[in-house]
Amino acid sequence: MMDPMTLMLLSTAPAVLKVADALAQSLLLRARAQLARAEAAARVQGNKPAGGAQ
């Protein structure tokens, strides 16, 4: 039979996985938004060289 600490850790695993999944989804959404902003900024810049050179 397993000791009480092991049982407690096993019983919390689903909750830990849910939190980890929520954090991963949040990071993914943030990264996608940042990429979209960067792509939009690149389109606005058009064919101008990077760094503000004329």
N, C-alpha and C. Protein backbone atom coordinates (compact mmCIF):
# COMPACT_ATOMS: atom_id res chain seq x y z
N MET A 1 0.83 -1.19 0.00
CA MET A 1 0.00 0.00 0.00
C MET A 1 0.88 1.25 0.00
N MET A 2 0.38 2.30 -0.66
CA MET A 2 1.15 3.53 -0.76
C MET A 2 0.99 4.38 0.50
N ASP A 3 2.02 5.16 0.76
CA ASP A 3 1.96 6.03 1.93
C ASP A 3 1.05 7.24 1.63
N PRO A 4 0.59 7.95 2.65
CA PRO A 4 -0.35 9.07 2.46
C PRO A 4 0.18 10.20 1.57
N MET A 5 1.49 10.48 1.64
CA MET A 5 2.05 11.56 0.82
C MET A 5 1.97 11.22 -0.65
N THR A 6 2.28 9.99 -1.00
CA THR A 6 2.20 9.56 -2.40
C THR A 6 0.75 9.64 -2.89
N LEU A 7 -0.17 9.20 -2.08
CA LEU A 7 -1.59 9.28 -2.47
C LEU A 7 -2.03 10.72 -2.66
N MET A 8 -1.57 11.61 -1.79
CA MET A 8 -1.93 13.01 -1.91
C MET A 8 -1.37 13.60 -3.20
N LEU A 9 -0.11 13.29 -3.50
CA LEU A 9 0.50 13.81 -4.72
C LEU A 9 -0.21 13.29 -5.97
N LEU A 10 -0.56 12.02 -5.95
CA LEU A 10 -1.28 11.45 -7.09
C LEU A 10 -2.66 12.08 -7.26
N SER A 11 -3.30 12.41 -6.15
CA SER A 11 -4.64 12.99 -6.25
C SER A 11 -4.60 14.44 -6.75
N THR A 12 -3.47 15.12 -6.57
CA THR A 12 -3.38 16.51 -7.04
C THR A 12 -2.90 16.61 -8.48
N ALA A 13 -2.45 15.53 -9.06
CA ALA A 13 -1.90 15.57 -10.42
C ALA A 13 -2.88 16.15 -11.45
N PRO A 14 -4.16 15.77 -11.46
CA PRO A 14 -5.07 16.35 -12.46
C PRO A 14 -5.19 17.88 -12.34
N ALA A 15 -5.23 18.39 -11.12
CA ALA A 15 -5.32 19.83 -10.93
C ALA A 15 -4.06 20.53 -11.41
N VAL A 16 -2.92 19.93 -11.13
CA VAL A 16 -1.64 20.51 -11.57
C VAL A 16 -1.58 20.53 -13.09
N LEU A 17 -2.04 19.47 -13.72
CA LEU A 17 -2.04 19.42 -15.18
C LEU A 17 -2.98 20.46 -15.77
N LYS A 18 -4.13 20.70 -15.14
CA LYS A 18 -5.05 21.72 -15.63
C LYS A 18 -4.42 23.10 -15.56
N VAL A 19 -3.74 23.39 -14.45
CA VAL A 19 -3.09 24.69 -14.31
C VAL A 19 -1.97 24.84 -15.34
N ALA A 20 -1.18 23.80 -15.52
CA ALA A 20 -0.10 23.84 -16.50
C ALA A 20 -0.65 24.05 -17.91
N ASP A 21 -1.76 23.39 -18.22
CA ASP A 21 -2.37 23.55 -19.54
C ASP A 21 -2.88 24.98 -19.73
N ALA A 22 -3.49 25.54 -18.71
CA ALA A 22 -3.99 26.91 -18.80
C ALA A 22 -2.84 27.89 -19.01
N LEU A 23 -1.75 27.70 -18.30
CA LEU A 23 -0.59 28.57 -18.48
C LEU A 23 0.00 28.44 -19.88
N ALA A 24 0.08 27.22 -20.38
CA ALA A 24 0.61 27.00 -21.72
C ALA A 24 -0.28 27.65 -22.77
N GLN A 25 -1.59 27.55 -22.61
CA GLN A 25 -2.51 28.19 -23.56
C GLN A 25 -2.36 29.70 -23.52
N SER A 26 -2.20 30.25 -22.33
CA SER A 26 -2.02 31.69 -22.18
C SER A 26 -0.75 32.15 -22.88
N LEU A 27 0.34 31.41 -22.68
CA LEU A 27 1.60 31.77 -23.33
C LEU A 27 1.49 31.65 -24.84
N LEU A 28 0.80 30.65 -25.31
CA LEU A 28 0.63 30.47 -26.75
C LEU A 28 -0.17 31.61 -27.35
N LEU A 29 -1.26 32.01 -26.69
CA LEU A 29 -2.05 33.13 -27.19
C LEU A 29 -1.25 34.42 -27.19
N ARG A 30 -0.47 34.63 -26.14
CA ARG A 30 0.36 35.84 -26.06
C ARG A 30 1.40 35.86 -27.18
N ALA A 31 2.02 34.71 -27.45
CA ALA A 31 3.03 34.62 -28.51
C ALA A 31 2.39 34.86 -29.88
N ARG A 32 1.20 34.32 -30.10
CA ARG A 32 0.52 34.54 -31.38
C ARG A 32 0.16 36.01 -31.57
N ALA A 33 -0.28 36.66 -30.50
CA ALA A 33 -0.62 38.08 -30.59
C ALA A 33 0.63 38.91 -30.87
N GLN A 34 1.72 38.57 -30.23
CA GLN A 34 2.97 39.30 -30.46
C GLN A 34 3.44 39.11 -31.90
N LEU A 35 3.34 37.91 -32.42
CA LEU A 35 3.71 37.64 -33.80
C LEU A 35 2.83 38.43 -34.76
N ALA A 36 1.54 38.45 -34.49
CA ALA A 36 0.62 39.20 -35.35
C ALA A 36 0.97 40.69 -35.35
N ARG A 37 1.30 41.25 -34.17
CA ARG A 37 1.70 42.66 -34.10
C ARG A 37 2.98 42.90 -34.89
N ALA A 38 3.94 42.00 -34.78
CA ALA A 38 5.20 42.15 -35.50
C ALA A 38 4.97 42.07 -37.01
N GLU A 39 4.12 41.16 -37.44
CA GLU A 39 3.83 41.05 -38.87
C GLU A 39 3.10 42.29 -39.38
N ALA A 40 2.18 42.81 -38.59
CA ALA A 40 1.46 44.02 -38.98
C ALA A 40 2.41 45.20 -39.06
N ALA A 41 3.33 45.31 -38.13
CA ALA A 41 4.31 46.40 -38.16
C ALA A 41 5.21 46.28 -39.38
N ALA A 42 5.56 45.06 -39.75
CA ALA A 42 6.39 44.85 -40.94
C ALA A 42 5.65 45.26 -42.20
N ARG A 43 4.35 45.00 -42.24
CA ARG A 43 3.56 45.41 -43.42
C ARG A 43 3.46 46.92 -43.50
N VAL A 44 3.32 47.58 -42.36
CA VAL A 44 3.23 49.04 -42.34
C VAL A 44 4.53 49.64 -42.83
N GLN A 45 5.66 49.03 -42.43
CA GLN A 45 6.97 49.53 -42.85
C GLN A 45 7.17 49.37 -44.35
N GLY A 46 6.50 48.41 -44.94
CA GLY A 46 6.62 48.18 -46.38
C GLY A 46 8.02 47.75 -46.76
N ASN A 47 8.59 48.46 -47.72
CA ASN A 47 9.94 48.09 -48.21
C ASN A 47 11.03 48.93 -47.58
N LYS A 48 10.74 49.65 -46.52
CA LYS A 48 11.76 50.47 -45.86
C LYS A 48 12.80 49.55 -45.21
N PRO A 49 14.07 49.91 -45.28
CA PRO A 49 15.10 49.08 -44.62
C PRO A 49 14.91 49.07 -43.11
N ALA A 50 15.33 48.00 -42.49
CA ALA A 50 15.24 47.88 -41.04
C ALA A 50 16.18 48.88 -40.36
N GLY A 51 15.84 49.28 -39.17
CA GLY A 51 16.69 50.19 -38.42
C GLY A 51 16.45 51.65 -38.72
N GLY A 52 15.47 51.98 -39.53
CA GLY A 52 15.15 53.37 -39.80
C GLY A 52 16.05 54.04 -40.83
N ALA A 53 16.88 53.28 -41.51
CA ALA A 53 17.75 53.89 -42.53
C ALA A 53 16.90 54.35 -43.71
N GLN A 54 17.33 55.39 -44.31
CA GLN A 54 16.59 55.95 -45.45
C GLN A 54 17.06 55.38 -46.77
